[in-house]
Amino acid sequence: MTMTAQARFEVYRDRADEWRWRLVASNGEIIADSAEGYAAKQGAQRGIESVKRVAGDAPVVDVE
């Protein structure tokens, strides 16, 4: 039985010692990130939860 790989959120400290998150695709490519650092790990985790809550229903809009 083999498991299929799936995307994952990673939480890590950056060079400025701030917490960040990134969404990594099953092929290892980063497909989204926090774009800002957080003083506390909990802030990064709240950011992940926010993305999980709203991204599924977000519309796709063409911007010209």
N, C-alpha and C. Protein backbone atom coordinates (compact mmCIF):
# COMPACT_ATOMS: atom_id res chain seq x y z
N MET A 1 0.85 -1.19 0.00
CA MET A 1 0.00 0.00 0.00
C MET A 1 0.89 1.24 0.00
N THR A 2 0.69 2.12 -0.97
CA THR A 2 1.47 3.36 -1.03
C THR A 2 0.56 4.54 -0.78
N MET A 3 1.11 5.53 -0.13
CA MET A 3 0.36 6.75 0.13
C MET A 3 0.71 7.76 -0.94
N THR A 4 -0.28 8.48 -1.42
CA THR A 4 0.01 9.53 -2.38
C THR A 4 0.48 10.76 -1.63
N ALA A 5 1.47 11.42 -2.19
CA ALA A 5 2.00 12.63 -1.56
C ALA A 5 0.96 13.74 -1.69
N GLN A 6 0.98 14.64 -0.72
CA GLN A 6 0.06 15.76 -0.77
C GLN A 6 0.76 17.03 -0.31
N ALA A 7 0.14 18.14 -0.57
CA ALA A 7 0.69 19.42 -0.14
C ALA A 7 0.75 19.47 1.38
N ARG A 8 1.65 20.30 1.88
CA ARG A 8 1.78 20.44 3.34
C ARG A 8 2.14 21.89 3.67
N PHE A 9 1.72 22.32 4.84
CA PHE A 9 2.14 23.60 5.38
C PHE A 9 3.38 23.36 6.24
N GLU A 10 4.38 24.22 6.11
CA GLU A 10 5.56 24.17 6.95
C GLU A 10 5.65 25.47 7.74
N VAL A 11 5.99 25.38 9.01
CA VAL A 11 6.20 26.54 9.87
C VAL A 11 7.67 26.54 10.25
N TYR A 12 8.32 27.70 10.11
CA TYR A 12 9.76 27.76 10.35
C TYR A 12 10.18 29.16 10.80
N ARG A 13 11.38 29.25 11.34
CA ARG A 13 11.97 30.55 11.70
C ARG A 13 12.85 31.02 10.55
N ASP A 14 12.76 32.30 10.23
CA ASP A 14 13.58 32.86 9.17
C ASP A 14 14.89 33.41 9.74
N ARG A 15 15.70 34.03 8.89
CA ARG A 15 17.00 34.56 9.31
C ARG A 15 16.88 35.70 10.32
N ALA A 16 15.73 36.38 10.31
CA ALA A 16 15.49 37.47 11.27
C ALA A 16 14.88 36.94 12.57
N ASP A 17 14.82 35.61 12.70
CA ASP A 17 14.28 34.94 13.89
C ASP A 17 12.78 35.19 14.05
N GLU A 18 12.08 35.39 12.91
CA GLU A 18 10.63 35.52 12.93
C GLU A 18 10.02 34.22 12.40
N TRP A 19 8.79 33.96 12.78
CA TRP A 19 8.08 32.76 12.34
C TRP A 19 7.38 33.03 11.01
N ARG A 20 7.44 32.07 10.12
CA ARG A 20 6.79 32.14 8.82
C ARG A 20 6.16 30.80 8.49
N TRP A 21 5.28 30.81 7.50
CA TRP A 21 4.73 29.55 6.99
C TRP A 21 4.88 29.54 5.48
N ARG A 22 4.88 28.34 4.93
CA ARG A 22 4.87 28.17 3.48
C ARG A 22 4.06 26.92 3.16
N LEU A 23 3.40 26.96 2.01
CA LEU A 23 2.63 25.83 1.51
C LEU A 23 3.47 25.17 0.43
N VAL A 24 3.79 23.89 0.62
CA VAL A 24 4.66 23.16 -0.27
C VAL A 24 3.85 22.09 -1.00
N ALA A 25 3.94 22.10 -2.34
CA ALA A 25 3.23 21.11 -3.15
C ALA A 25 3.88 19.74 -3.00
N SER A 26 3.18 18.72 -3.46
CA SER A 26 3.68 17.35 -3.33
C SER A 26 5.01 17.14 -4.06
N ASN A 27 5.32 17.99 -5.04
CA ASN A 27 6.59 17.88 -5.76
C ASN A 27 7.72 18.67 -5.09
N GLY A 28 7.43 19.29 -3.94
CA GLY A 28 8.44 20.03 -3.19
C GLY A 28 8.51 21.52 -3.52
N GLU A 29 7.72 21.96 -4.49
CA GLU A 29 7.72 23.38 -4.86
C GLU A 29 6.90 24.20 -3.88
N ILE A 30 7.41 25.37 -3.50
CA ILE A 30 6.66 26.29 -2.64
C ILE A 30 5.62 26.99 -3.51
N ILE A 31 4.35 26.87 -3.13
CA ILE A 31 3.28 27.46 -3.93
C ILE A 31 2.62 28.65 -3.25
N ALA A 32 2.90 28.88 -1.98
CA ALA A 32 2.40 30.05 -1.27
C ALA A 32 3.24 30.23 -0.02
N ASP A 33 3.31 31.47 0.46
CA ASP A 33 4.02 31.71 1.72
C ASP A 33 3.38 32.87 2.47
N SER A 34 3.83 33.07 3.69
CA SER A 34 3.21 34.05 4.58
C SER A 34 3.49 35.49 4.16
N ALA A 35 4.54 35.75 3.42
CA ALA A 35 4.90 37.09 2.96
C ALA A 35 5.24 38.06 4.10
N GLU A 36 5.07 37.64 5.32
CA GLU A 36 5.46 38.46 6.47
C GLU A 36 5.90 37.54 7.59
N GLY A 37 6.75 38.06 8.45
CA GLY A 37 7.18 37.30 9.61
C GLY A 37 6.30 37.59 10.80
N TYR A 38 6.23 36.64 11.71
CA TYR A 38 5.44 36.77 12.94
C TYR A 38 6.37 36.65 14.14
N ALA A 39 6.10 37.43 15.16
CA ALA A 39 6.92 37.38 16.37
C ALA A 39 6.75 36.06 17.12
N ALA A 40 5.55 35.49 17.04
CA ALA A 40 5.26 34.24 17.75
C ALA A 40 4.84 33.17 16.76
N LYS A 41 5.19 31.94 17.06
CA LYS A 41 4.81 30.80 16.23
C LYS A 41 3.29 30.73 16.08
N GLN A 42 2.58 31.07 17.12
CA GLN A 42 1.11 31.06 17.10
C GLN A 42 0.56 31.98 16.00
N GLY A 43 1.22 33.10 15.74
CA GLY A 43 0.79 34.00 14.68
C GLY A 43 0.87 33.34 13.32
N ALA A 44 1.96 32.62 13.07
CA ALA A 44 2.10 31.90 11.81
C ALA A 44 1.03 30.81 11.69
N GLN A 45 0.75 30.12 12.78
CA GLN A 45 -0.27 29.07 12.76
C GLN A 45 -1.66 29.66 12.51
N ARG A 46 -1.94 30.84 13.06
CA ARG A 46 -3.22 31.51 12.78
C ARG A 46 -3.31 31.90 11.31
N GLY A 47 -2.19 32.32 10.73
CA GLY A 47 -2.17 32.63 9.31
C GLY A 47 -2.52 31.43 8.45
N ILE A 48 -1.99 30.28 8.80
CA ILE A 48 -2.31 29.04 8.08
C ILE A 48 -3.80 28.74 8.19
N GLU A 49 -4.34 28.84 9.38
CA GLU A 49 -5.77 28.55 9.58
C GLU A 49 -6.64 29.52 8.77
N SER A 50 -6.22 30.77 8.68
CA SER A 50 -6.96 31.75 7.90
C SER A 50 -6.97 31.37 6.42
N VAL A 51 -5.83 30.97 5.89
CA VAL A 51 -5.76 30.55 4.49
C VAL A 51 -6.63 29.33 4.26
N LYS A 52 -6.57 28.38 5.16
CA LYS A 52 -7.40 27.17 5.02
C LYS A 52 -8.89 27.52 5.00
N ARG A 53 -9.29 28.49 5.82
CA ARG A 53 -10.70 28.87 5.92
C ARG A 53 -11.22 29.54 4.66
N VAL A 54 -10.43 30.44 4.08
CA VAL A 54 -10.95 31.28 3.00
C VAL A 54 -10.54 30.86 1.60
N ALA A 55 -9.45 30.14 1.45
CA ALA A 55 -8.92 29.87 0.11
C ALA A 55 -9.81 28.95 -0.71
N GLY A 56 -10.47 28.00 -0.10
CA GLY A 56 -11.27 27.04 -0.84
C GLY A 56 -12.40 27.66 -1.63
N ASP A 57 -12.96 28.73 -1.13
CA ASP A 57 -14.08 29.39 -1.80
C ASP A 57 -13.69 30.68 -2.53
N ALA A 58 -12.40 30.98 -2.57
CA ALA A 58 -11.96 32.22 -3.20
C ALA A 58 -12.16 32.14 -4.71
N PRO A 59 -12.74 33.19 -5.29
CA PRO A 59 -12.94 33.19 -6.74
C PRO A 59 -11.62 33.44 -7.48
N VAL A 60 -11.58 33.05 -8.73
CA VAL A 60 -10.46 33.37 -9.60
C VAL A 60 -10.89 34.57 -10.45
N VAL A 61 -10.10 35.63 -10.43
CA VAL A 61 -10.43 36.86 -11.12
C VAL A 61 -9.32 37.20 -12.10
N ASP A 62 -9.67 37.45 -13.36
CA ASP A 62 -8.69 37.91 -14.34
C ASP A 62 -8.45 39.39 -14.12
N VAL A 63 -7.19 39.77 -14.01
CA VAL A 63 -6.82 41.17 -13.85
C VAL A 63 -6.04 41.58 -15.08
N GLU A 64 -6.54 42.59 -15.77
CA GLU A 64 -5.89 43.02 -17.01
C GLU A 64 -5.19 44.33 -16.84
